[in-house]
Amino acid sequence: MPTTVFRCLLLSLAIVHGSSYAASAHEQDQLSLIQRQLVTIERLATRAEAASTAESVERYRFDYPRLTQDIQRIRHGVQGYLSPSRAQPRDPSELVDDYLLDTPPAEPSP
């Protein structure tokens, strides 16, 4: 019972605090810069993925789709912070952070 009350109190404080919060101009500038850099990183990853698919003879290769999903997730989080639609709980899932794929060995030609 006390845990439930405590959680309700924390949620209420988060809603009140979150609705009245505005990032400083410097912080907004820095986060906007991060957004632009994420776009650049995503473009570089797309180019690297295109270049690597032509040379796909390695057993292990980089998981570009997973990296792209994580970049989009970070971008969405920053954008949600800069312009929240309303106070709401954050998504508790974490980034994957494992970008190594094990490519099965090619079967020998008969």
PDB file of N, CA and C in Angstrom:
ATOM      1  N   MET A   1       0.812  -1.203   0.000  1.00  0.00           N
ATOM      2  CA  MET A   1       0.000   0.000   0.000  1.00  0.00           C
ATOM      3  C   MET A   1       0.854   1.265   0.000  1.00  0.00           C
ATOM      4  N   PRO A   2       1.865   1.395   0.908  1.00  0.00           N
ATOM      5  CA  PRO A   2       2.700   2.598   0.878  1.00  0.00           C
ATOM      6  C   PRO A   2       3.432   2.748  -0.453  1.00  0.00           C
ATOM      7  N   THR A   3       3.817   1.633  -1.077  1.00  0.00           N
ATOM      8  CA  THR A   3       4.506   1.708  -2.361  1.00  0.00           C
ATOM      9  C   THR A   3       3.609   2.310  -3.423  1.00  0.00           C
ATOM     10  N   THR A   4       2.337   1.942  -3.429  1.00  0.00           N
ATOM     11  CA  THR A   4       1.390   2.476  -4.402  1.00  0.00           C
ATOM     12  C   THR A   4       1.205   3.971  -4.199  1.00  0.00           C
ATOM     13  N   VAL A   5       1.089   4.400  -2.968  1.00  0.00           N
ATOM     14  CA  VAL A   5       0.942   5.830  -2.668  1.00  0.00           C
ATOM     15  C   VAL A   5       2.186   6.582  -3.116  1.00  0.00           C
ATOM     16  N   PHE A   6       3.349   6.012  -2.821  1.00  0.00           N
ATOM     17  CA  PHE A   6       4.606   6.642  -3.211  1.00  0.00           C
ATOM     18  C   PHE A   6       4.699   6.788  -4.729  1.00  0.00           C
ATOM     19  N   ARG A   7       4.301   5.748  -5.457  1.00  0.00           N
ATOM     20  CA  ARG A   7       4.344   5.807  -6.920  1.00  0.00           C
ATOM     21  C   ARG A   7       3.384   6.864  -7.455  1.00  0.00           C
ATOM     22  N   CYS A   8       2.189   6.929  -6.882  1.00  0.00           N
ATOM     23  CA  CYS A   8       1.221   7.944  -7.311  1.00  0.00           C
ATOM     24  C   CYS A   8       1.750   9.352  -7.056  1.00  0.00           C
ATOM     25  N   LEU A   9       2.402   9.538  -5.900  1.00  0.00           N
ATOM     26  CA  LEU A   9       2.986  10.832  -5.579  1.00  0.00           C
ATOM     27  C   LEU A   9       4.085  11.196  -6.575  1.00  0.00           C
ATOM     28  N   LEU A  10       4.956  10.232  -6.895  1.00  0.00           N
ATOM     29  CA  LEU A  10       6.021  10.494  -7.867  1.00  0.00           C
ATOM     30  C   LEU A  10       5.460  10.810  -9.246  1.00  0.00           C
ATOM     31  N   LEU A  11       4.435  10.081  -9.658  1.00  0.00           N
ATOM     32  CA  LEU A  11       3.812  10.341 -10.950  1.00  0.00           C
ATOM     33  C   LEU A  11       3.194  11.728 -10.978  1.00  0.00           C
ATOM     34  N   SER A  12       2.542  12.123  -9.908  1.00  0.00           N
ATOM     35  CA  SER A  12       1.937  13.457  -9.835  1.00  0.00           C
ATOM     36  C   SER A  12       2.999  14.540  -9.926  1.00  0.00           C
ATOM     37  N   LEU A  13       4.107  14.345  -9.202  1.00  0.00           N
ATOM     38  CA  LEU A  13       5.188  15.326  -9.259  1.00  0.00           C
ATOM     39  C   LEU A  13       5.798  15.400 -10.649  1.00  0.00           C
ATOM     40  N   ALA A  14       5.932  14.270 -11.294  1.00  0.00           N
ATOM     41  CA  ALA A  14       6.507  14.250 -12.643  1.00  0.00           C
ATOM     42  C   ALA A  14       5.600  14.980 -13.623  1.00  0.00           C
ATOM     43  N   ILE A  15       4.310  14.797 -13.482  1.00  0.00           N
ATOM     44  CA  ILE A  15       3.373  15.465 -14.392  1.00  0.00           C
ATOM     45  C   ILE A  15       3.410  16.970 -14.179  1.00  0.00           C
ATOM     46  N   VAL A  16       3.373  17.404 -12.929  1.00  0.00           N
ATOM     47  CA  VAL A  16       3.393  18.837 -12.642  1.00  0.00           C
ATOM     48  C   VAL A  16       4.713  19.440 -13.084  1.00  0.00           C
ATOM     49  N   HIS A  17       5.818  18.776 -12.742  1.00  0.00           N
ATOM     50  CA  HIS A  17       7.137  19.289 -13.110  1.00  0.00           C
ATOM     51  C   HIS A  17       7.340  19.243 -14.618  1.00  0.00           C
ATOM     52  N   GLY A  18       6.941  18.165 -15.254  1.00  0.00           N
ATOM     53  CA  GLY A  18       7.144  18.009 -16.694  1.00  0.00           C
ATOM     54  C   GLY A  18       6.351  19.009 -17.512  1.00  0.00           C
ATOM     55  N   SER A  19       5.157  19.365 -17.053  1.00  0.00           N
ATOM     56  CA  SER A  19       4.342  20.291 -17.829  1.00  0.00           C
ATOM     57  C   SER A  19       4.844  21.719 -17.732  1.00  0.00           C
ATOM     58  N   SER A  20       5.606  22.028 -16.670  1.00  0.00           N
ATOM     59  CA  SER A  20       6.082  23.397 -16.516  1.00  0.00           C
ATOM     60  C   SER A  20       7.543  23.545 -16.927  1.00  0.00           C
ATOM     61  N   TYR A  21       8.156  22.479 -17.416  1.00  0.00           N
ATOM     62  CA  TYR A  21       9.573  22.500 -17.744  1.00  0.00           C
ATOM     63  C   TYR A  21       9.804  23.003 -19.167  1.00  0.00           C
ATOM     64  N   ALA A  22      10.795  23.824 -19.335  1.00  0.00           N
ATOM     65  CA  ALA A  22      11.220  24.246 -20.664  1.00  0.00           C
ATOM     66  C   ALA A  22      12.741  24.226 -20.690  1.00  0.00           C
ATOM     67  N   ALA A  23      13.316  23.637 -21.705  1.00  0.00           N
ATOM     68  CA  ALA A  23      14.775  23.566 -21.813  1.00  0.00           C
ATOM     69  C   ALA A  23      15.327  24.960 -22.056  1.00  0.00           C
ATOM     70  N   SER A  24      16.512  25.223 -21.521  1.00  0.00           N
ATOM     71  CA  SER A  24      17.152  26.513 -21.747  1.00  0.00           C
ATOM     72  C   SER A  24      17.530  26.641 -23.221  1.00  0.00           C
ATOM     73  N   ALA A  25      17.770  27.865 -23.640  1.00  0.00           N
ATOM     74  CA  ALA A  25      18.129  28.112 -25.040  1.00  0.00           C
ATOM     75  C   ALA A  25      19.423  27.386 -25.399  1.00  0.00           C
ATOM     76  N   HIS A  26      20.389  27.390 -24.497  1.00  0.00           N
ATOM     77  CA  HIS A  26      21.666  26.704 -24.760  1.00  0.00           C
ATOM     78  C   HIS A  26      21.441  25.203 -24.896  1.00  0.00           C
ATOM     79  N   GLU A  27      20.631  24.642 -23.995  1.00  0.00           N
ATOM     80  CA  GLU A  27      20.357  23.221 -24.056  1.00  0.00           C
ATOM     81  C   GLU A  27      19.606  22.864 -25.339  1.00  0.00           C
ATOM     82  N   GLN A  28      18.663  23.679 -25.741  1.00  0.00           N
ATOM     83  CA  GLN A  28      17.936  23.448 -26.990  1.00  0.00           C
ATOM     84  C   GLN A  28      18.888  23.471 -28.179  1.00  0.00           C
ATOM     85  N   ASP A  29      19.820  24.413 -28.186  1.00  0.00           N
ATOM     86  CA  ASP A  29      20.806  24.488 -29.269  1.00  0.00           C
ATOM     87  C   ASP A  29      21.662  23.227 -29.318  1.00  0.00           C
ATOM     88  N   GLN A  30      22.119  22.778 -28.157  1.00  0.00           N
ATOM     89  CA  GLN A  30      22.971  21.597 -28.098  1.00  0.00           C
ATOM     90  C   GLN A  30      22.208  20.344 -28.543  1.00  0.00           C
ATOM     91  N   LEU A  31      20.964  20.213 -28.116  1.00  0.00           N
ATOM     92  CA  LEU A  31      20.170  19.050 -28.506  1.00  0.00           C
ATOM     93  C   LEU A  31      19.804  19.095 -29.987  1.00  0.00           C
ATOM     94  N   SER A  32      19.601  20.288 -30.523  1.00  0.00           N
ATOM     95  CA  SER A  32      19.358  20.409 -31.966  1.00  0.00           C
ATOM     96  C   SER A  32      20.593  19.989 -32.754  1.00  0.00           C
ATOM     97  N   LEU A  33      21.760  20.346 -32.231  1.00  0.00           N
ATOM     98  CA  LEU A  33      23.012  19.919 -32.857  1.00  0.00           C
ATOM     99  C   LEU A  33      23.132  18.393 -32.821  1.00  0.00           C
ATOM    100  N   ILE A  34      22.759  17.794 -31.715  1.00  0.00           N
ATOM    101  CA  ILE A  34      22.780  16.335 -31.615  1.00  0.00           C
ATOM    102  C   ILE A  34      21.841  15.729 -32.653  1.00  0.00           C
ATOM    103  N   GLN A  35      20.663  16.326 -32.833  1.00  0.00           N
ATOM    104  CA  GLN A  35      19.707  15.833 -33.830  1.00  0.00           C
ATOM    105  C   GLN A  35      20.333  15.854 -35.230  1.00  0.00           C
ATOM    106  N   ARG A  36      20.990  16.955 -35.573  1.00  0.00           N
ATOM    107  CA  ARG A  36      21.624  17.055 -36.897  1.00  0.00           C
ATOM    108  C   ARG A  36      22.750  16.029 -37.046  1.00  0.00           C
ATOM    109  N   GLN A  37      23.513  15.816 -35.981  1.00  0.00           N
ATOM    110  CA  GLN A  37      24.598  14.845 -36.031  1.00  0.00           C
ATOM    111  C   GLN A  37      24.063  13.424 -36.167  1.00  0.00           C
ATOM    112  N   LEU A  38      22.933  13.141 -35.554  1.00  0.00           N
ATOM    113  CA  LEU A  38      22.323  11.822 -35.707  1.00  0.00           C
ATOM    114  C   LEU A  38      21.895  11.573 -37.146  1.00  0.00           C
ATOM    115  N   VAL A  39      21.391  12.611 -37.819  1.00  0.00           N
ATOM    116  CA  VAL A  39      21.029  12.480 -39.232  1.00  0.00           C
ATOM    117  C   VAL A  39      22.280  12.157 -40.047  1.00  0.00           C
ATOM    118  N   THR A  40      23.377  12.847 -39.756  1.00  0.00           N
ATOM    119  CA  THR A  40      24.632  12.604 -40.465  1.00  0.00           C
ATOM    120  C   THR A  40      25.134  11.180 -40.201  1.00  0.00           C
ATOM    121  N   ILE A  41      25.088  10.737 -38.969  1.00  0.00           N
ATOM    122  CA  ILE A  41      25.535   9.385 -38.631  1.00  0.00           C
ATOM    123  C   ILE A  41      24.678   8.351 -39.354  1.00  0.00           C
ATOM    124  N   GLU A  42      23.376   8.598 -39.411  1.00  0.00           N
ATOM    125  CA  GLU A  42      22.490   7.653 -40.094  1.00  0.00           C
ATOM    126  C   GLU A  42      22.814   7.573 -41.588  1.00  0.00           C
ATOM    127  N   ARG A  43      23.110   8.710 -42.190  1.00  0.00           N
ATOM    128  CA  ARG A  43      23.517   8.698 -43.614  1.00  0.00           C
ATOM    129  C   ARG A  43      24.810   7.913 -43.808  1.00  0.00           C
ATOM    130  N   LEU A  44      25.788   8.141 -42.934  1.00  0.00           N
ATOM    131  CA  LEU A  44      27.057   7.417 -43.033  1.00  0.00           C
ATOM    132  C   LEU A  44      26.839   5.913 -42.863  1.00  0.00           C
ATOM    133  N   ALA A  45      25.968   5.538 -41.945  1.00  0.00           N
ATOM    134  CA  ALA A  45      25.681   4.115 -41.734  1.00  0.00           C
ATOM    135  C   ALA A  45      25.015   3.512 -42.967  1.00  0.00           C
ATOM    136  N   THR A  46      24.136   4.271 -43.613  1.00  0.00           N
ATOM    137  CA  THR A  46      23.475   3.788 -44.822  1.00  0.00           C
ATOM    138  C   THR A  46      24.496   3.560 -45.934  1.00  0.00           C
ATOM    139  N   ARG A  47      25.426   4.497 -46.083  1.00  0.00           N
ATOM    140  CA  ARG A  47      26.488   4.332 -47.090  1.00  0.00           C
ATOM    141  C   ARG A  47      27.378   3.139 -46.768  1.00  0.00           C
ATOM    142  N   ALA A  48      27.749   3.001 -45.518  1.00  0.00           N
ATOM    143  CA  ALA A  48      28.607   1.880 -45.116  1.00  0.00           C
ATOM    144  C   ALA A  48      27.898   0.550 -45.335  1.00  0.00           C
ATOM    145  N   GLU A  49      26.609   0.517 -45.049  1.00  0.00           N
ATOM    146  CA  GLU A  49      25.856  -0.716 -45.264  1.00  0.00           C
ATOM    147  C   GLU A  49      25.813  -1.071 -46.744  1.00  0.00           C
ATOM    148  N   ALA A  50      25.592  -0.080 -47.601  1.00  0.00           N
ATOM    149  CA  ALA A  50      25.556  -0.334 -49.039  1.00  0.00           C
ATOM    150  C   ALA A  50      26.912  -0.849 -49.529  1.00  0.00           C
ATOM    151  N   ALA A  51      27.985  -0.295 -49.001  1.00  0.00           N
ATOM    152  CA  ALA A  51      29.323  -0.727 -49.408  1.00  0.00           C
ATOM    153  C   ALA A  51      29.641  -2.127 -48.870  1.00  0.00           C
ATOM    154  N   SER A  52      29.134  -2.445 -47.707  1.00  0.00           N
ATOM    155  CA  SER A  52      29.478  -3.736 -47.111  1.00  0.00           C
ATOM    156  C   SER A  52      28.685  -4.887 -47.712  1.00  0.00           C
ATOM    157  N   THR A  53      27.500  -4.651 -48.238  1.00  0.00           N
ATOM    158  CA  THR A  53      26.712  -5.751 -48.790  1.00  0.00           C
ATOM    159  C   THR A  53      27.356  -6.308 -50.044  1.00  0.00           C
ATOM    160  N   ALA A  54      28.098  -5.494 -50.763  1.00  0.00           N
ATOM    161  CA  ALA A  54      28.772  -5.973 -51.968  1.00  0.00           C
ATOM    162  C   ALA A  54      29.939  -6.896 -51.608  1.00  0.00           C
ATOM    163  N   GLU A  55      30.519  -6.707 -50.434  1.00  0.00           N
ATOM    164  CA  GLU A  55      31.685  -7.490 -50.019  1.00  0.00           C
ATOM    165  C   GLU A  55      31.315  -8.448 -48.884  1.00  0.00           C
ATOM    166  N   SER A  56      30.159  -9.027 -48.895  1.00  0.00           N
ATOM    167  CA  SER A  56      29.626  -9.813 -47.795  1.00  0.00           C
ATOM    168  C   SER A  56      30.162 -11.245 -47.773  1.00  0.00           C
ATOM    169  N   VAL A  57      31.472 -11.406 -47.531  1.00  0.00           N
ATOM    170  CA  VAL A  57      32.062 -12.739 -47.430  1.00  0.00           C
ATOM    171  C   VAL A  57      32.544 -13.021 -46.016  1.00  0.00           C
ATOM    172  N   GLU A  58      32.414 -12.050 -45.123  1.00  0.00           N
ATOM    173  CA  GLU A  58      32.852 -12.194 -43.742  1.00  0.00           C
ATOM    174  C   GLU A  58      31.864 -13.039 -42.947  1.00  0.00           C
ATOM    175  N   ARG A  59      32.376 -13.733 -41.938  1.00  0.00           N
ATOM    176  CA  ARG A  59      31.489 -14.511 -41.075  1.00  0.00           C
ATOM    177  C   ARG A  59      30.677 -13.586 -40.175  1.00  0.00           C
ATOM    178  N   TYR A  60      31.327 -12.565 -39.629  1.00  0.00           N
ATOM    179  CA  TYR A  60      30.655 -11.588 -38.788  1.00  0.00           C
ATOM    180  C   TYR A  60      30.549 -10.283 -39.553  1.00  0.00           C
ATOM    181  N   ARG A  61      29.420  -9.658 -39.395  1.00  0.00           N
ATOM    182  CA  ARG A  61      29.240  -8.361 -40.047  1.00  0.00           C
ATOM    183  C   ARG A  61      28.471  -7.444 -39.115  1.00  0.00           C
ATOM    184  N   PHE A  62      28.501  -6.178 -39.399  1.00  0.00           N
ATOM    185  CA  PHE A  62      27.871  -5.166 -38.562  1.00  0.00           C
ATOM    186  C   PHE A  62      26.369  -5.161 -38.806  1.00  0.00           C
ATOM    187  N   ASP A  63      25.589  -5.028 -37.749  1.00  0.00           N
ATOM    188  CA  ASP A  63      24.121  -5.033 -37.832  1.00  0.00           C
ATOM    189  C   ASP A  63      23.625  -3.601 -38.047  1.00  0.00           C
ATOM    190  N   TYR A  64      23.647  -3.144 -39.287  1.00  0.00           N
ATOM    191  CA  TYR A  64      23.237  -1.780 -39.628  1.00  0.00           C
ATOM    192  C   TYR A  64      21.765  -1.505 -39.343  1.00  0.00           C
ATOM    193  N   PRO A  65      20.843  -2.419 -39.623  1.00  0.00           N
ATOM    194  CA  PRO A  65      19.435  -2.126 -39.297  1.00  0.00           C
ATOM    195  C   PRO A  65      19.217  -1.868 -37.804  1.00  0.00           C
ATOM    196  N   ARG A  66      19.911  -2.610 -36.961  1.00  0.00           N
ATOM    197  CA  ARG A  66      19.775  -2.398 -35.516  1.00  0.00           C
ATOM    198  C   ARG A  66      20.342  -1.044 -35.124  1.00  0.00           C
ATOM    199  N   LEU A  67      21.469  -0.670 -35.713  1.00  0.00           N
ATOM    200  CA  LEU A  67      22.052   0.639 -35.445  1.00  0.00           C
ATOM    201  C   LEU A  67      21.078   1.741 -35.863  1.00  0.00           C
ATOM    202  N   THR A  68      20.464   1.601 -37.022  1.00  0.00           N
ATOM    203  CA  THR A  68      19.511   2.593 -37.504  1.00  0.00           C
ATOM    204  C   THR A  68      18.320   2.703 -36.560  1.00  0.00           C
ATOM    205  N   GLN A  69      17.832   1.585 -36.056  1.00  0.00           N
ATOM    206  CA  GLN A  69      16.720   1.621 -35.099  1.00  0.00           C
ATOM    207  C   GLN A  69      17.115   2.357 -33.821  1.00  0.00           C
ATOM    208  N   ASP A  70      18.332   2.120 -33.344  1.00  0.00           N
ATOM    209  CA  ASP A  70      18.782   2.805 -32.133  1.00  0.00           C
ATOM    210  C   ASP A  70      18.947   4.304 -32.367  1.00  0.00           C
ATOM    211  N   ILE A  71      19.479   4.686 -33.526  1.00  0.00           N
ATOM    212  CA  ILE A  71      19.620   6.104 -33.849  1.00  0.00           C
ATOM    213  C   ILE A  71      18.243   6.763 -33.893  1.00  0.00           C
ATOM    214  N   GLN A  72      17.282   6.108 -34.524  1.00  0.00           N
ATOM    215  CA  GLN A  72      15.927   6.662 -34.580  1.00  0.00           C
ATOM    216  C   GLN A  72      15.326   6.770 -33.187  1.00  0.00           C
ATOM    217  N   ARG A  73      15.614   5.803 -32.352  1.00  0.00           N
ATOM    218  CA  ARG A  73      15.094   5.832 -30.979  1.00  0.00           C
ATOM    219  C   ARG A  73      15.693   7.001 -30.199  1.00  0.00           C
ATOM    220  N   ILE A  74      16.985   7.225 -30.349  1.00  0.00           N
ATOM    221  CA  ILE A  74      17.638   8.358 -29.686  1.00  0.00           C
ATOM    222  C   ILE A  74      17.053   9.669 -30.213  1.00  0.00           C
ATOM    223  N   ARG A  75      16.919   9.764 -31.535  1.00  0.00           N
ATOM    224  CA  ARG A  75      16.366  10.976 -32.139  1.00  0.00           C
ATOM    225  C   ARG A  75      14.956  11.257 -31.610  1.00  0.00           C
ATOM    226  N   HIS A  76      14.144  10.201 -31.528  1.00  0.00           N
ATOM    227  CA  HIS A  76      12.782  10.345 -31.034  1.00  0.00           C
ATOM    228  C   HIS A  76      12.782  10.802 -29.566  1.00  0.00           C
ATOM    229  N   GLY A  77      13.690  10.272 -28.763  1.00  0.00           N
ATOM    230  CA  GLY A  77      13.793  10.674 -27.362  1.00  0.00           C
ATOM    231  C   GLY A  77      14.181  12.126 -27.201  1.00  0.00           C
ATOM    232  N   VAL A  78      15.145  12.581 -27.982  1.00  0.00           N
ATOM    233  CA  VAL A  78      15.562  13.986 -27.917  1.00  0.00           C
ATOM    234  C   VAL A  78      14.420  14.885 -28.382  1.00  0.00           C
ATOM    235  N   GLN A  79      13.769  14.503 -29.479  1.00  0.00           N
ATOM    236  CA  GLN A  79      12.657  15.300 -29.985  1.00  0.00           C
ATOM    237  C   GLN A  79      11.515  15.353 -28.972  1.00  0.00           C
ATOM    238  N   GLY A  80      11.250  14.234 -28.318  1.00  0.00           N
ATOM    239  CA  GLY A  80      10.208  14.210 -27.291  1.00  0.00           C
ATOM    240  C   GLY A  80      10.535  15.106 -26.112  1.00  0.00           C
ATOM    241  N   TYR A  81      11.827  15.232 -25.807  1.00  0.00           N
ATOM    242  CA  TYR A  81      12.248  16.113 -24.723  1.00  0.00           C
ATOM    243  C   TYR A  81      12.104  17.572 -25.136  1.00  0.00           C
ATOM    244  N   LEU A  82      12.507  17.875 -26.378  1.00  0.00           N
ATOM    245  CA  LEU A  82      12.450  19.259 -26.842  1.00  0.00           C
ATOM    246  C   LEU A  82      11.021  19.765 -27.024  1.00  0.00           C
ATOM    247  N   SER A  83      10.138  18.892 -27.453  1.00  0.00           N
ATOM    248  CA  SER A  83       8.750  19.322 -27.667  1.00  0.00           C
ATOM    249  C   SER A  83       7.790  18.229 -27.208  1.00  0.00           C
ATOM    250  N   PRO A  84       7.640  18.097 -25.896  1.00  0.00           N
ATOM    251  CA  PRO A  84       6.749  17.051 -25.385  1.00  0.00           C
ATOM    252  C   PRO A  84       5.292  17.364 -25.717  1.00  0.00           C
ATOM    253  N   SER A  85       4.543  16.335 -26.104  1.00  0.00           N
ATOM    254  CA  SER A  85       3.142  16.546 -26.412  1.00  0.00           C
ATOM    255  C   SER A  85       2.339  16.691 -25.127  1.00  0.00           C
ATOM    256  N   ARG A  86       2.705  15.936 -24.115  1.00  0.00           N
ATOM    257  CA  ARG A  86       2.111  16.029 -22.778  1.00  0.00           C
ATOM    258  C   ARG A  86       2.961  15.197 -21.843  1.00  0.00           C
ATOM    259  N   ALA A  87       2.778  15.423 -20.569  1.00  0.00           N
ATOM    260  CA  ALA A  87       3.547  14.654 -19.598  1.00  0.00           C
ATOM    261  C   ALA A  87       3.055  13.212 -19.600  1.00  0.00           C
ATOM    262  N   GLN A  88       3.982  12.300 -19.778  1.00  0.00           N
ATOM    263  CA  GLN A  88       3.633  10.882 -19.800  1.00  0.00           C
ATOM    264  C   GLN A  88       4.851  10.068 -19.417  1.00  0.00           C
ATOM    265  N   PRO A  89       4.651   8.843 -18.971  1.00  0.00           N
ATOM    266  CA  PRO A  89       5.798   8.003 -18.595  1.00  0.00           C
ATOM    267  C   PRO A  89       6.709   7.744 -19.787  1.00  0.00           C
ATOM    268  N   ARG A  90       7.979   7.621 -19.512  1.00  0.00           N
ATOM    269  CA  ARG A  90       8.958   7.325 -20.558  1.00  0.00           C
ATOM    270  C   ARG A  90       8.955   5.835 -20.875  1.00  0.00           C
ATOM    271  N   ASP A  91       9.397   5.513 -22.082  1.00  0.00           N
ATOM    272  CA  ASP A  91       9.541   4.119 -22.496  1.00  0.00           C
ATOM    273  C   ASP A  91      10.764   3.544 -21.784  1.00  0.00           C
ATOM    274  N   PRO A  92      10.582   2.521 -20.953  1.00  0.00           N
ATOM    275  CA  PRO A  92      11.707   2.018 -20.161  1.00  0.00           C
ATOM    276  C   PRO A  92      12.660   1.089 -20.903  1.00  0.00           C
ATOM    277  N   SER A  93      12.380   0.733 -22.148  1.00  0.00           N
ATOM    278  CA  SER A  93      13.267  -0.206 -22.839  1.00  0.00           C
ATOM    279  C   SER A  93      14.607   0.467 -23.151  1.00  0.00           C
ATOM    280  N   GLU A  94      15.625  -0.346 -23.225  1.00  0.00           N
ATOM    281  CA  GLU A  94      16.977   0.149 -23.422  1.00  0.00           C
ATOM    282  C   GLU A  94      17.438  -0.082 -24.846  1.00  0.00           C
ATOM    283  N   LEU A  95      18.524   0.599 -25.204  1.00  0.00           N
ATOM    284  CA  LEU A  95      19.135   0.375 -26.510  1.00  0.00           C
ATOM    285  C   LEU A  95      19.737  -1.019 -26.543  1.00  0.00           C
ATOM    286  N   VAL A  96      19.877  -1.544 -27.718  1.00  0.00           N
ATOM    287  CA  VAL A  96      20.368  -2.908 -27.869  1.00  0.00           C
ATOM    288  C   VAL A  96      21.877  -2.966 -27.637  1.00  0.00           C
ATOM    289  N   ASP A  97      22.624  -2.123 -28.231  1.00  0.00           N
ATOM    290  CA  ASP A  97      24.077  -1.954 -28.127  1.00  0.00           C
ATOM    291  C   ASP A  97      24.911  -3.157 -28.528  1.00  0.00           C
ATOM    292  N   ASP A  98      24.369  -4.072 -29.292  1.00  0.00           N
ATOM    293  CA  ASP A  98      25.129  -5.216 -29.788  1.00  0.00           C
ATOM    294  C   ASP A  98      24.926  -5.262 -31.293  1.00  0.00           C
ATOM    295  N   TYR A  99      25.940  -4.886 -32.044  1.00  0.00           N
ATOM    296  CA  TYR A  99      25.800  -4.739 -33.486  1.00  0.00           C
ATOM    297  C   TYR A  99      26.593  -5.774 -34.273  1.00  0.00           C
ATOM    298  N   LEU A 100      26.837  -6.915 -33.692  1.00  0.00           N
ATOM    299  CA  LEU A 100      27.606  -7.965 -34.357  1.00  0.00           C
ATOM    300  C   LEU A 100      26.660  -9.068 -34.793  1.00  0.00           C
ATOM    301  N   LEU A 101      26.659  -9.362 -36.081  1.00  0.00           N
ATOM    302  CA  LEU A 101      25.834 -10.438 -36.624  1.00  0.00           C
ATOM    303  C   LEU A 101      26.718 -11.614 -36.984  1.00  0.00           C
ATOM    304  N   ASP A 102      26.266 -12.801 -36.709  1.00  0.00           N
ATOM    305  CA  ASP A 102      26.998 -14.008 -37.072  1.00  0.00           C
ATOM    306  C   ASP A 102      26.402 -14.510 -38.385  1.00  0.00           C
ATOM    307  N   THR A 103      27.175 -14.423 -39.455  1.00  0.00           N
ATOM    308  CA  THR A 103      26.732 -14.873 -40.761  1.00  0.00           C
ATOM    309  C   THR A 103      27.003 -16.362 -40.887  1.00  0.00           C
ATOM    310  N   PRO A 104      25.991 -17.138 -41.184  1.00  0.00           N
ATOM    311  CA  PRO A 104      26.236 -18.585 -41.317  1.00  0.00           C
ATOM    312  C   PRO A 104      27.188 -18.844 -42.498  1.00  0.00           C
ATOM    313  N   PRO A 105      28.016 -19.855 -42.355  1.00  0.00           N
ATOM    314  CA  PRO A 105      28.982 -20.145 -43.445  1.00  0.00           C
ATOM    315  C   PRO A 105      28.238 -20.554 -44.710  1.00  0.00           C
ATOM    316  N   ALA A 106      28.773 -20.099 -45.843  1.00  0.00           N
ATOM    317  CA  ALA A 106      28.183 -20.455 -47.132  1.00  0.00           C
ATOM    318  C   ALA A 106      28.447 -21.934 -47.403  1.00  0.00           C
ATOM    319  N   GLU A 107      27.454 -22.592 -47.992  1.00  0.00           N
ATOM    320  CA  GLU A 107      27.622 -24.005 -48.310  1.00  0.00           C
ATOM    321  C   GLU A 107      28.558 -24.142 -49.507  1.00  0.00           C
ATOM    322  N   PRO A 108      29.458 -25.110 -49.462  1.00  0.00           N
ATOM    323  CA  PRO A 108      30.399 -25.282 -50.584  1.00  0.00           C
ATOM    324  C   PRO A 108      29.655 -25.682 -51.856  1.00  0.00           C
ATOM    325  N   SER A 109      30.163 -25.215 -52.958  1.00  0.00           N
ATOM    326  CA  SER A 109      29.587 -25.562 -54.261  1.00  0.00           C
ATOM    327  C   SER A 109      29.909 -27.017 -54.588  1.00  0.00           C
ATOM    328  N   PRO A 110      28.935 -27.755 -55.175  1.00  0.00           N
ATOM    329  CA  PRO A 110      29.220 -29.151 -55.513  1.00  0.00           C
ATOM    330  C   PRO A 110      30.138 -29.281 -56.698  1.00  0.00           C
TER     331      PRO A 110
END
